[in-house]
Amino acid sequence: MTDSDWYRFLAAHDGLEEVNFWQPGGTRAFTSLVPGELFLFKLKYPKNVIAGGGFFVHSTLLPISLAWETFGVANGASSREEMKQLIDANRKSAAAPSDNYTIGCILLAQPFFFPERAWISAPPDWKPNIVSGKAYDLTTEPGLSLFAQVKAALELPSRDPTWPALARDLPADPRERFGQPVLVKPRLGQGLFRALVTDAYERKCAITGEKVLPVLEAAHIRPYRLDGPHQVDNGVLLRSDLHRLFDDGYITVTPSLRIEVSRRIHQEFDNGRAYYAFHGQPLRRPIRPELAPSVAFLAWHNEEIYHG
């Protein structure tokens, strides 16, 4: 079930790479899907139609301030204040204007919003008392027919030039992927990159272990502007000052995951004692080994960015 104001706001924005489908409670993560599966938006009664969707990437819990900083208008509002008003209207308890409470964040890539002519009637087994959501097996009815209607709607002409690619990403028939739950490899945007890197490192700076979330940032090893991808193995979670030094080449991480601090910090700024304490120390690794920094990206940073 989709908040109508959230939906209308986002449907008016072309070219969004990602959206945050927030949950006002903020007490538990969303675990009903695996990355790459379809997440569809059903408008509330009396419309009772499926009007769009996206591809599930990740679920997390964030303070509302960080959710706004990370996703901006992709939260479905034009400002942090407007976002908070929308969330407050859906919360069970009142909140003070200054409250920075935690919300649930269902993070979706490649969102799509159907024109009204392509809205899909909700499946007949969707009852009025369903207020959260319902899962469908796309290889059996009614999920199979629903999938066919979604794919047909995605093949309609759109103002968004990337729209036809969404239809091509989906199999012609979901039964072709039987036993393989991931239908699409979602393309990540900046906000999704930050959220995934933050959780991969258990919300701790990979150098200092700092846990104060507002000062932690997802650093690209190879910058996005220099063809570095938004993927977790091209990222490392750093305290904001270390992020700046890493980007400027005063700190690097070797392919063997050791921290190096350039002597130029002292030469240029006549200081740096606090940073030299980290020289030679091992980098704190992500909780999942496959998310560790890529050796190739680290070697690139050592050769192209680091001052030595």
C-alpha atoms as a PDB file:
ATOM      1  CA  MET A   1       0.000   0.000   0.000  1.00  0.00           C
ATOM      2  CA  THR A   2       1.395   3.350  -1.058  1.00  0.00           C
ATOM      3  CA  ASP A   3       0.909   6.768   0.512  1.00  0.00           C
ATOM      4  CA  SER A   4      -0.913   8.787  -2.141  1.00  0.00           C
ATOM      5  CA  ASP A   5       0.962  12.043  -1.510  1.00  0.00           C
ATOM      6  CA  TRP A   6       4.293  10.200  -1.717  1.00  0.00           C
ATOM      7  CA  TYR A   7       3.235   8.594  -4.999  1.00  0.00           C
ATOM      8  CA  ARG A   8       1.893  11.751  -6.651  1.00  0.00           C
ATOM      9  CA  PHE A   9       5.022  13.723  -5.786  1.00  0.00           C
ATOM     10  CA  LEU A  10       7.416  11.139  -7.208  1.00  0.00           C
ATOM     11  CA  ALA A  11       5.310  10.392 -10.289  1.00  0.00           C
ATOM     12  CA  ALA A  12       5.787  14.033 -11.304  1.00  0.00           C
ATOM     13  CA  HIS A  13       9.607  13.656 -11.313  1.00  0.00           C
ATOM     14  CA  ASP A  14      11.149  12.093 -14.414  1.00  0.00           C
ATOM     15  CA  GLY A  15      14.464  10.274 -14.375  1.00  0.00           C
ATOM     16  CA  LEU A  16      14.671   9.205 -10.717  1.00  0.00           C
ATOM     17  CA  GLU A  17      17.316   6.507 -10.177  1.00  0.00           C
ATOM     18  CA  GLU A  18      16.097   5.478  -6.736  1.00  0.00           C
ATOM     19  CA  VAL A  19      13.385   6.107  -4.156  1.00  0.00           C
ATOM     20  CA  ASN A  20      12.996   5.599  -0.430  1.00  0.00           C
ATOM     21  CA  PHE A  21       9.684   3.901   0.355  1.00  0.00           C
ATOM     22  CA  TRP A  22       9.628   4.866   4.003  1.00  0.00           C
ATOM     23  CA  GLN A  23       7.781   3.191   6.849  1.00  0.00           C
ATOM     24  CA  PRO A  24       6.843   5.546   9.698  1.00  0.00           C
ATOM     25  CA  GLY A  25       7.283   3.021  12.513  1.00  0.00           C
ATOM     26  CA  GLY A  26      11.004   2.465  12.124  1.00  0.00           C
ATOM     27  CA  THR A  27      11.169  -0.601  14.349  1.00  0.00           C
ATOM     28  CA  ARG A  28      12.160  -3.405  11.988  1.00  0.00           C
ATOM     29  CA  ALA A  29      13.695  -3.947   8.590  1.00  0.00           C
ATOM     30  CA  PHE A  30      11.717  -5.186   5.594  1.00  0.00           C
ATOM     31  CA  THR A  31      12.589  -8.817   4.863  1.00  0.00           C
ATOM     32  CA  SER A  32       9.890  -9.992   2.449  1.00  0.00           C
ATOM     33  CA  LEU A  33      11.994  -9.649  -0.726  1.00  0.00           C
ATOM     34  CA  VAL A  34      15.549 -10.303  -1.841  1.00  0.00           C
ATOM     35  CA  PRO A  35      17.502  -7.751  -3.912  1.00  0.00           C
ATOM     36  CA  GLY A  36      16.275  -7.588  -7.493  1.00  0.00           C
ATOM     37  CA  GLU A  37      12.680  -8.633  -6.892  1.00  0.00           C
ATOM     38  CA  LEU A  38       9.736  -6.483  -7.948  1.00  0.00           C
ATOM     39  CA  PHE A  39       8.132  -4.131  -5.421  1.00  0.00           C
ATOM     40  CA  LEU A  40       4.816  -2.718  -6.698  1.00  0.00           C
ATOM     41  CA  PHE A  41       2.880   0.372  -5.577  1.00  0.00           C
ATOM     42  CA  LYS A  42      -0.855  -0.132  -4.927  1.00  0.00           C
ATOM     43  CA  LEU A  43      -2.873   3.031  -4.410  1.00  0.00           C
ATOM     44  CA  LYS A  44      -5.329   3.087  -1.538  1.00  0.00           C
ATOM     45  CA  TYR A  45      -9.069   2.662  -1.870  1.00  0.00           C
ATOM     46  CA  PRO A  46     -11.146   3.746  -3.677  1.00  0.00           C
ATOM     47  CA  LYS A  47      -8.636   3.609  -6.561  1.00  0.00           C
ATOM     48  CA  ASN A  48      -7.401   0.104  -5.701  1.00  0.00           C
ATOM     49  CA  VAL A  49      -4.921  -0.046  -8.586  1.00  0.00           C
ATOM     50  CA  ILE A  50      -1.246  -0.882  -9.082  1.00  0.00           C
ATOM     51  CA  ALA A  51       0.292   2.325 -10.389  1.00  0.00           C
ATOM     52  CA  GLY A  52       4.028   1.621 -10.512  1.00  0.00           C
ATOM     53  CA  GLY A  53       6.906   0.041  -8.666  1.00  0.00           C
ATOM     54  CA  GLY A  54      10.635  -0.496  -8.539  1.00  0.00           C
ATOM     55  CA  PHE A  55      13.265  -3.131  -7.829  1.00  0.00           C
ATOM     56  CA  PHE A  56      14.065  -3.901  -4.207  1.00  0.00           C
ATOM     57  CA  VAL A  57      17.690  -3.280  -3.229  1.00  0.00           C
ATOM     58  CA  HIS A  58      17.999  -2.929   0.540  1.00  0.00           C
ATOM     59  CA  SER A  59      16.126  -2.263   3.764  1.00  0.00           C
ATOM     60  CA  THR A  60      17.508  -0.268   6.647  1.00  0.00           C
ATOM     61  CA  LEU A  61      16.558   1.982   9.577  1.00  0.00           C
ATOM     62  CA  LEU A  62      17.706   5.620   9.486  1.00  0.00           C
ATOM     63  CA  PRO A  63      17.129   8.808  11.461  1.00  0.00           C
ATOM     64  CA  ILE A  64      14.824  11.021   9.431  1.00  0.00           C
ATOM     65  CA  SER A  65      17.606  13.628   9.086  1.00  0.00           C
ATOM     66  CA  LEU A  66      19.974  11.120   7.471  1.00  0.00           C
ATOM     67  CA  ALA A  67      17.230   9.679   5.265  1.00  0.00           C
ATOM     68  CA  TRP A  68      16.627  13.187   3.921  1.00  0.00           C
ATOM     69  CA  GLU A  69      20.346  13.925   3.517  1.00  0.00           C
ATOM     70  CA  THR A  70      20.855  10.645   1.653  1.00  0.00           C
ATOM     71  CA  PHE A  71      17.834  10.599  -0.663  1.00  0.00           C
ATOM     72  CA  GLY A  72      16.475  14.163  -0.787  1.00  0.00           C
ATOM     73  CA  VAL A  73      13.375  14.479  -2.982  1.00  0.00           C
ATOM     74  CA  ALA A  74      13.531  10.722  -3.653  1.00  0.00           C
ATOM     75  CA  ASN A  75      11.887  10.466  -0.205  1.00  0.00           C
ATOM     76  CA  GLY A  76       8.717  11.763  -1.846  1.00  0.00           C
ATOM     77  CA  ALA A  77       8.768  15.348  -0.549  1.00  0.00           C
ATOM     78  CA  SER A  78      10.247  18.683  -1.566  1.00  0.00           C
ATOM     79  CA  SER A  79      11.898  19.378   1.812  1.00  0.00           C
ATOM     80  CA  ARG A  80      12.841  17.668   5.048  1.00  0.00           C
ATOM     81  CA  GLU A  81      10.040  19.548   6.807  1.00  0.00           C
ATOM     82  CA  GLU A  82       7.454  18.356   4.278  1.00  0.00           C
ATOM     83  CA  MET A  83       8.784  14.804   4.529  1.00  0.00           C
ATOM     84  CA  LYS A  84       8.428  14.916   8.311  1.00  0.00           C
ATOM     85  CA  GLN A  85       4.854  16.181   7.999  1.00  0.00           C
ATOM     86  CA  LEU A  86       3.972  13.246   5.741  1.00  0.00           C
ATOM     87  CA  ILE A  87       5.560  10.753   8.126  1.00  0.00           C
ATOM     88  CA  ASP A  88       4.000  12.371  11.216  1.00  0.00           C
ATOM     89  CA  ALA A  89       0.577  12.008   9.607  1.00  0.00           C
ATOM     90  CA  ASN A  90       1.151   8.243   9.386  1.00  0.00           C
ATOM     91  CA  ARG A  91       2.671   7.714  12.828  1.00  0.00           C
ATOM     92  CA  LYS A  92       0.676   6.402  15.775  1.00  0.00           C
ATOM     93  CA  SER A  93       2.236   8.831  18.249  1.00  0.00           C
ATOM     94  CA  ALA A  94       2.790  12.577  18.001  1.00  0.00           C
ATOM     95  CA  ALA A  95       6.328  13.908  17.534  1.00  0.00           C
ATOM     96  CA  ALA A  96       7.860  17.251  18.421  1.00  0.00           C
ATOM     97  CA  PRO A  97       9.148  19.364  15.495  1.00  0.00           C
ATOM     98  CA  SER A  98      12.729  18.752  16.626  1.00  0.00           C
ATOM     99  CA  ASP A  99      12.408  14.974  16.975  1.00  0.00           C
ATOM    100  CA  ASN A 100      14.899  13.085  14.801  1.00  0.00           C
ATOM    101  CA  TYR A 101      13.176   9.730  15.088  1.00  0.00           C
ATOM    102  CA  THR A 102      14.095   6.595  13.156  1.00  0.00           C
ATOM    103  CA  ILE A 103      12.094   5.441  10.156  1.00  0.00           C
ATOM    104  CA  GLY A 104      12.089   2.265   8.111  1.00  0.00           C
ATOM    105  CA  CYS A 105      13.582   2.651   4.640  1.00  0.00           C
ATOM    106  CA  ILE A 106      12.725   0.250   1.819  1.00  0.00           C
ATOM    107  CA  LEU A 107      15.188   1.284  -0.866  1.00  0.00           C
ATOM    108  CA  LEU A 108      14.206   0.780  -4.487  1.00  0.00           C
ATOM    109  CA  ALA A 109      16.147   1.227  -7.733  1.00  0.00           C
ATOM    110  CA  GLN A 110      14.808   2.074 -11.196  1.00  0.00           C
ATOM    111  CA  PRO A 111      11.368   3.222  -9.984  1.00  0.00           C
ATOM    112  CA  PHE A 112       8.550   3.445 -12.529  1.00  0.00           C
ATOM    113  CA  PHE A 113       5.209   5.246 -12.402  1.00  0.00           C
ATOM    114  CA  PHE A 114       2.529   4.224 -14.880  1.00  0.00           C
ATOM    115  CA  PRO A 115       0.365   6.797 -16.676  1.00  0.00           C
ATOM    116  CA  GLU A 116      -3.251   6.505 -15.522  1.00  0.00           C
ATOM    117  CA  ARG A 117      -4.245   4.690 -18.718  1.00  0.00           C
ATOM    118  CA  ALA A 118      -1.853   1.879 -17.737  1.00  0.00           C
ATOM    119  CA  TRP A 119      -2.951   1.441 -14.124  1.00  0.00           C
ATOM    120  CA  ILE A 120      -3.558  -2.210 -13.267  1.00  0.00           C
ATOM    121  CA  SER A 121      -6.521  -3.390 -11.208  1.00  0.00           C
ATOM    122  CA  ALA A 122      -5.385  -5.067  -8.010  1.00  0.00           C
ATOM    123  CA  PRO A 123      -5.642  -8.877  -8.091  1.00  0.00           C
ATOM    124  CA  PRO A 124      -9.068 -10.142  -6.957  1.00  0.00           C
ATOM    125  CA  ASP A 125      -7.652 -11.769  -3.825  1.00  0.00           C
ATOM    126  CA  TRP A 126      -6.489  -8.383  -2.476  1.00  0.00           C
ATOM    127  CA  LYS A 127      -8.929  -7.716   0.361  1.00  0.00           C
ATOM    128  CA  PRO A 128      -9.796  -4.278   1.818  1.00  0.00           C
ATOM    129  CA  ASN A 129      -8.307  -5.234   5.191  1.00  0.00           C
ATOM    130  CA  ILE A 130      -4.799  -5.690   3.736  1.00  0.00           C
ATOM    131  CA  VAL A 131      -3.016  -2.520   4.859  1.00  0.00           C
ATOM    132  CA  SER A 132       0.682  -3.354   4.555  1.00  0.00           C
ATOM    133  CA  GLY A 133       1.391  -5.565   1.573  1.00  0.00           C
ATOM    134  CA  LYS A 134       0.950  -8.912  -0.114  1.00  0.00           C
ATOM    135  CA  ALA A 135       3.428 -11.188  -1.883  1.00  0.00           C
ATOM    136  CA  TYR A 136       2.778 -13.029  -5.137  1.00  0.00           C
ATOM    137  CA  ASP A 137       4.551 -15.928  -6.804  1.00  0.00           C
ATOM    138  CA  LEU A 138       5.126 -14.676 -10.348  1.00  0.00           C
ATOM    139  CA  THR A 139       5.275 -18.211 -11.744  1.00  0.00           C
ATOM    140  CA  THR A 140       1.662 -19.063 -10.781  1.00  0.00           C
ATOM    141  CA  GLU A 141      -1.686 -17.284 -10.939  1.00  0.00           C
ATOM    142  CA  PRO A 142      -2.626 -14.593 -10.112  1.00  0.00           C
ATOM    143  CA  GLY A 143       1.028 -13.469  -9.950  1.00  0.00           C
ATOM    144  CA  LEU A 144       1.768 -14.664 -13.489  1.00  0.00           C
ATOM    145  CA  SER A 145      -0.993 -12.501 -15.001  1.00  0.00           C
ATOM    146  CA  LEU A 146      -0.001  -9.568 -12.819  1.00  0.00           C
ATOM    147  CA  PHE A 147       3.593  -9.830 -14.047  1.00  0.00           C
ATOM    148  CA  ALA A 148       2.414  -9.876 -17.665  1.00  0.00           C
ATOM    149  CA  GLN A 149       0.373  -6.700 -17.099  1.00  0.00           C
ATOM    150  CA  VAL A 150       3.312  -4.944 -15.435  1.00  0.00           C
ATOM    151  CA  LYS A 151       5.625  -5.844 -18.314  1.00  0.00           C
ATOM    152  CA  ALA A 152       3.052  -4.656 -20.875  1.00  0.00           C
ATOM    153  CA  ALA A 153       2.669  -1.350 -19.038  1.00  0.00           C
ATOM    154  CA  LEU A 154       6.447  -0.867 -19.004  1.00  0.00           C
ATOM    155  CA  GLU A 155       6.530  -1.292 -22.772  1.00  0.00           C
ATOM    156  CA  LEU A 156       4.233   1.710 -23.306  1.00  0.00           C
ATOM    157  CA  PRO A 157       5.895   4.885 -24.623  1.00  0.00           C
ATOM    158  CA  SER A 158       7.114   7.260 -21.915  1.00  0.00           C
ATOM    159  CA  ARG A 159       8.741  10.645 -21.546  1.00  0.00           C
ATOM    160  CA  ASP A 160      11.628   8.982 -19.697  1.00  0.00           C
ATOM    161  CA  PRO A 161      14.242   7.757 -22.254  1.00  0.00           C
ATOM    162  CA  THR A 162      15.395   4.986 -19.897  1.00  0.00           C
ATOM    163  CA  TRP A 163      11.875   3.535 -19.624  1.00  0.00           C
ATOM    164  CA  PRO A 164      12.141   0.865 -22.393  1.00  0.00           C
ATOM    165  CA  ALA A 165      15.256  -0.540 -20.711  1.00  0.00           C
ATOM    166  CA  LEU A 166      13.149  -1.510 -17.703  1.00  0.00           C
ATOM    167  CA  ALA A 167      11.022  -3.811 -19.816  1.00  0.00           C
ATOM    168  CA  ARG A 168      14.116  -5.362 -21.405  1.00  0.00           C
ATOM    169  CA  ASP A 169      15.552  -6.078 -17.947  1.00  0.00           C
ATOM    170  CA  LEU A 170      12.625  -8.377 -17.166  1.00  0.00           C
ATOM    171  CA  PRO A 171      12.351 -11.918 -18.552  1.00  0.00           C
ATOM    172  CA  ALA A 172       9.629 -12.507 -21.117  1.00  0.00           C
ATOM    173  CA  ASP A 173       8.178 -15.091 -18.754  1.00  0.00           C
ATOM    174  CA  PRO A 174       9.148 -15.308 -15.057  1.00  0.00           C
ATOM    175  CA  ARG A 175       8.951 -19.088 -15.245  1.00  0.00           C
ATOM    176  CA  GLU A 176      12.198 -18.917 -17.239  1.00  0.00           C
ATOM    177  CA  ARG A 177      13.874 -18.019 -13.927  1.00  0.00           C
ATOM    178  CA  PHE A 178      12.177 -20.715 -11.834  1.00  0.00           C
ATOM    179  CA  GLY A 179      14.179 -21.341  -8.681  1.00  0.00           C
ATOM    180  CA  GLN A 180      16.132 -18.101  -9.121  1.00  0.00           C
ATOM    181  CA  PRO A 181      14.464 -15.365  -7.048  1.00  0.00           C
ATOM    182  CA  VAL A 182      16.530 -12.464  -8.379  1.00  0.00           C
ATOM    183  CA  LEU A 183      14.911 -11.109 -11.544  1.00  0.00           C
ATOM    184  CA  VAL A 184      16.974  -7.967 -12.099  1.00  0.00           C
ATOM    185  CA  LYS A 185      20.380  -6.700 -11.017  1.00  0.00           C
ATOM    186  CA  PRO A 186      19.356  -3.218  -9.852  1.00  0.00           C
ATOM    187  CA  ARG A 187      21.450  -0.244 -10.937  1.00  0.00           C
ATOM    188  CA  LEU A 188      22.490   1.725  -7.871  1.00  0.00           C
ATOM    189  CA  GLY A 189      22.345   5.486  -7.413  1.00  0.00           C
ATOM    190  CA  GLN A 190      24.283   7.672  -4.974  1.00  0.00           C
ATOM    191  CA  GLY A 191      21.800   7.284  -2.114  1.00  0.00           C
ATOM    192  CA  LEU A 192      21.640   3.508  -2.405  1.00  0.00           C
ATOM    193  CA  PHE A 193      25.434   3.375  -2.537  1.00  0.00           C
ATOM    194  CA  ARG A 194      25.672   5.329   0.709  1.00  0.00           C
ATOM    195  CA  ALA A 195      23.075   3.202   2.504  1.00  0.00           C
ATOM    196  CA  LEU A 196      24.613  -0.098   1.397  1.00  0.00           C
ATOM    197  CA  VAL A 197      28.164   0.916   2.327  1.00  0.00           C
ATOM    198  CA  THR A 198      26.990   2.244   5.702  1.00  0.00           C
ATOM    199  CA  ASP A 199      25.337  -1.046   6.614  1.00  0.00           C
ATOM    200  CA  ALA A 200      28.119  -3.188   5.103  1.00  0.00           C
ATOM    201  CA  TYR A 201      30.546  -1.659   7.633  1.00  0.00           C
ATOM    202  CA  GLU A 202      28.069  -2.037  10.522  1.00  0.00           C
ATOM    203  CA  ARG A 203      27.811   1.765  10.750  1.00  0.00           C
ATOM    204  CA  LYS A 204      31.399   2.136  11.952  1.00  0.00           C
ATOM    205  CA  CYS A 205      34.253   4.086  10.360  1.00  0.00           C
ATOM    206  CA  ALA A 206      36.585   1.590   8.663  1.00  0.00           C
ATOM    207  CA  ILE A 207      39.621   3.404  10.104  1.00  0.00           C
ATOM    208  CA  THR A 208      38.621   4.703  13.547  1.00  0.00           C
ATOM    209  CA  GLY A 209      35.602   2.617  14.499  1.00  0.00           C
ATOM    210  CA  GLU A 210      33.609   5.856  15.000  1.00  0.00           C
ATOM    211  CA  LYS A 211      29.865   5.080  15.384  1.00  0.00           C
ATOM    212  CA  VAL A 212      28.290   8.566  15.335  1.00  0.00           C
ATOM    213  CA  LEU A 213      26.216   8.114  12.197  1.00  0.00           C
ATOM    214  CA  PRO A 214      25.876  11.768  11.089  1.00  0.00           C
ATOM    215  CA  VAL A 215      29.659  12.097  10.647  1.00  0.00           C
ATOM    216  CA  LEU A 216      30.092   8.868   8.669  1.00  0.00           C
ATOM    217  CA  GLU A 217      30.240   9.017   4.875  1.00  0.00           C
ATOM    218  CA  ALA A 218      30.493   6.468   2.074  1.00  0.00           C
ATOM    219  CA  ALA A 219      33.686   7.250   0.171  1.00  0.00           C
ATOM    220  CA  HIS A 220      34.185   6.065  -3.391  1.00  0.00           C
ATOM    221  CA  ILE A 221      37.611   4.479  -3.882  1.00  0.00           C
ATOM    222  CA  ARG A 222      37.540   5.322  -7.573  1.00  0.00           C
ATOM    223  CA  PRO A 223      35.399   8.481  -7.805  1.00  0.00           C
ATOM    224  CA  TYR A 224      32.127   8.316  -9.676  1.00  0.00           C
ATOM    225  CA  ARG A 225      33.197  11.293 -11.809  1.00  0.00           C
ATOM    226  CA  LEU A 226      36.188   9.203 -12.936  1.00  0.00           C
ATOM    227  CA  ASP A 227      34.127   6.165 -13.933  1.00  0.00           C
ATOM    228  CA  GLY A 228      33.994   4.630 -10.476  1.00  0.00           C
ATOM    229  CA  PRO A 229      30.759   2.642 -10.052  1.00  0.00           C
ATOM    230  CA  HIS A 230      28.185   2.917  -7.282  1.00  0.00           C
ATOM    231  CA  GLN A 231      28.940  -0.539  -5.870  1.00  0.00           C
ATOM    232  CA  VAL A 232      29.921  -1.593  -2.385  1.00  0.00           C
ATOM    233  CA  ASP A 233      33.366  -2.957  -3.294  1.00  0.00           C
ATOM    234  CA  ASN A 234      34.198   0.524  -4.637  1.00  0.00           C
ATOM    235  CA  GLY A 235      33.328   2.073  -1.291  1.00  0.00           C
ATOM    236  CA  VAL A 236      34.581   2.414   2.252  1.00  0.00           C
ATOM    237  CA  LEU A 237      32.835   4.011   5.240  1.00  0.00           C
ATOM    238  CA  LEU A 238      34.887   6.862   6.679  1.00  0.00           C
ATOM    239  CA  ARG A 239      34.555   9.660   9.191  1.00  0.00           C
ATOM    240  CA  SER A 240      33.987  12.896   7.281  1.00  0.00           C
ATOM    241  CA  ASP A 241      37.495  14.327   7.813  1.00  0.00           C
ATOM    242  CA  LEU A 242      39.110  11.049   6.738  1.00  0.00           C
ATOM    243  CA  HIS A 243      36.841  10.943   3.703  1.00  0.00           C
ATOM    244  CA  ARG A 244      38.130  14.350   2.648  1.00  0.00           C
ATOM    245  CA  LEU A 245      41.756  13.303   3.155  1.00  0.00           C
ATOM    246  CA  PHE A 246      41.132  10.058   1.247  1.00  0.00           C
ATOM    247  CA  ASP A 247      39.582  11.927  -1.690  1.00  0.00           C
ATOM    248  CA  ASP A 248      42.455  14.438  -1.717  1.00  0.00           C
ATOM    249  CA  GLY A 249      45.139  11.731  -1.672  1.00  0.00           C
ATOM    250  CA  TYR A 250      46.550  12.267   1.816  1.00  0.00           C
ATOM    251  CA  ILE A 251      45.348   8.844   2.981  1.00  0.00           C
ATOM    252  CA  THR A 252      44.966   5.586   1.086  1.00  0.00           C
ATOM    253  CA  VAL A 253      44.329   1.900   1.685  1.00  0.00           C
ATOM    254  CA  THR A 254      46.722  -0.592   0.129  1.00  0.00           C
ATOM    255  CA  PRO A 255      45.507  -3.672  -1.780  1.00  0.00           C
ATOM    256  CA  SER A 256      46.464  -5.652   1.327  1.00  0.00           C
ATOM    257  CA  LEU A 257      43.959  -3.495   3.287  1.00  0.00           C
ATOM    258  CA  ARG A 258      46.534  -1.501   5.268  1.00  0.00           C
ATOM    259  CA  ILE A 259      46.125   2.220   5.918  1.00  0.00           C
ATOM    260  CA  GLU A 260      48.807   4.582   4.637  1.00  0.00           C
ATOM    261  CA  VAL A 261      49.079   8.245   5.610  1.00  0.00           C
ATOM    262  CA  SER A 262      51.076  10.563   3.365  1.00  0.00           C
ATOM    263  CA  ARG A 263      54.025  12.505   4.771  1.00  0.00           C
ATOM    264  CA  ARG A 264      52.686  15.494   2.857  1.00  0.00           C
ATOM    265  CA  ILE A 265      50.129  16.118   5.613  1.00  0.00           C
ATOM    266  CA  HIS A 266      52.991  17.195   7.878  1.00  0.00           C
ATOM    267  CA  GLN A 267      54.919  18.920   5.077  1.00  0.00           C
ATOM    268  CA  GLU A 268      51.975  20.995   3.927  1.00  0.00           C
ATOM    269  CA  PHE A 269      50.080  21.588   7.181  1.00  0.00           C
ATOM    270  CA  ASP A 270      52.788  21.182   9.840  1.00  0.00           C
ATOM    271  CA  ASN A 271      50.516  18.837  11.718  1.00  0.00           C
ATOM    272  CA  GLY A 272      48.777  15.488  11.400  1.00  0.00           C
ATOM    273  CA  ARG A 273      49.811  13.597  14.512  1.00  0.00           C
ATOM    274  CA  ALA A 274      46.277  12.265  15.018  1.00  0.00           C
ATOM    275  CA  TYR A 275      46.252  10.830  11.491  1.00  0.00           C
ATOM    276  CA  TYR A 276      49.737   9.304  11.553  1.00  0.00           C
ATOM    277  CA  ALA A 277      48.567   7.096  14.418  1.00  0.00           C
ATOM    278  CA  PHE A 278      46.583   5.112  11.846  1.00  0.00           C
ATOM    279  CA  HIS A 279      49.525   4.516   9.500  1.00  0.00           C
ATOM    280  CA  GLY A 280      50.104   0.799   8.952  1.00  0.00           C
ATOM    281  CA  GLN A 281      46.935  -0.245  10.765  1.00  0.00           C
ATOM    282  CA  PRO A 282      44.563  -2.740   9.127  1.00  0.00           C
ATOM    283  CA  LEU A 283      41.323  -1.480   7.643  1.00  0.00           C
ATOM    284  CA  ARG A 284      38.159  -2.634   9.396  1.00  0.00           C
ATOM    285  CA  ARG A 285      36.492  -4.947   6.882  1.00  0.00           C
ATOM    286  CA  PRO A 286      32.793  -5.298   6.019  1.00  0.00           C
ATOM    287  CA  ILE A 287      30.807  -7.982   7.774  1.00  0.00           C
ATOM    288  CA  ARG A 288      30.478  -9.912   4.499  1.00  0.00           C
ATOM    289  CA  PRO A 289      33.832 -10.763   2.848  1.00  0.00           C
ATOM    290  CA  GLU A 290      32.471 -10.330  -0.683  1.00  0.00           C
ATOM    291  CA  LEU A 291      31.780  -6.652   0.088  1.00  0.00           C
ATOM    292  CA  ALA A 292      35.407  -5.879   0.961  1.00  0.00           C
ATOM    293  CA  PRO A 293      37.131  -3.198  -1.138  1.00  0.00           C
ATOM    294  CA  SER A 294      38.198  -4.360  -4.587  1.00  0.00           C
ATOM    295  CA  VAL A 295      41.953  -4.875  -4.987  1.00  0.00           C
ATOM    296  CA  ALA A 296      41.735  -3.283  -8.434  1.00  0.00           C
ATOM    297  CA  PHE A 297      40.008  -0.136  -7.131  1.00  0.00           C
ATOM    298  CA  LEU A 298      42.478   0.168  -4.241  1.00  0.00           C
ATOM    299  CA  ALA A 299      45.442  -0.215  -6.598  1.00  0.00           C
ATOM    300  CA  TRP A 300      43.962   2.539  -8.792  1.00  0.00           C
ATOM    301  CA  HIS A 301      43.624   4.873  -5.790  1.00  0.00           C
ATOM    302  CA  ASN A 302      47.203   4.129  -4.701  1.00  0.00           C
ATOM    303  CA  GLU A 303      48.565   4.921  -8.166  1.00  0.00           C
ATOM    304  CA  GLU A 304      46.323   7.772  -9.294  1.00  0.00           C
ATOM    305  CA  ILE A 305      45.208   9.651  -6.158  1.00  0.00           C
ATOM    306  CA  TYR A 306      47.567   8.989  -3.251  1.00  0.00           C
ATOM    307  CA  HIS A 307      50.442  11.440  -2.810  1.00  0.00           C
ATOM    308  CA  GLY A 308      52.790   8.914  -1.202  1.00  0.00           C
END
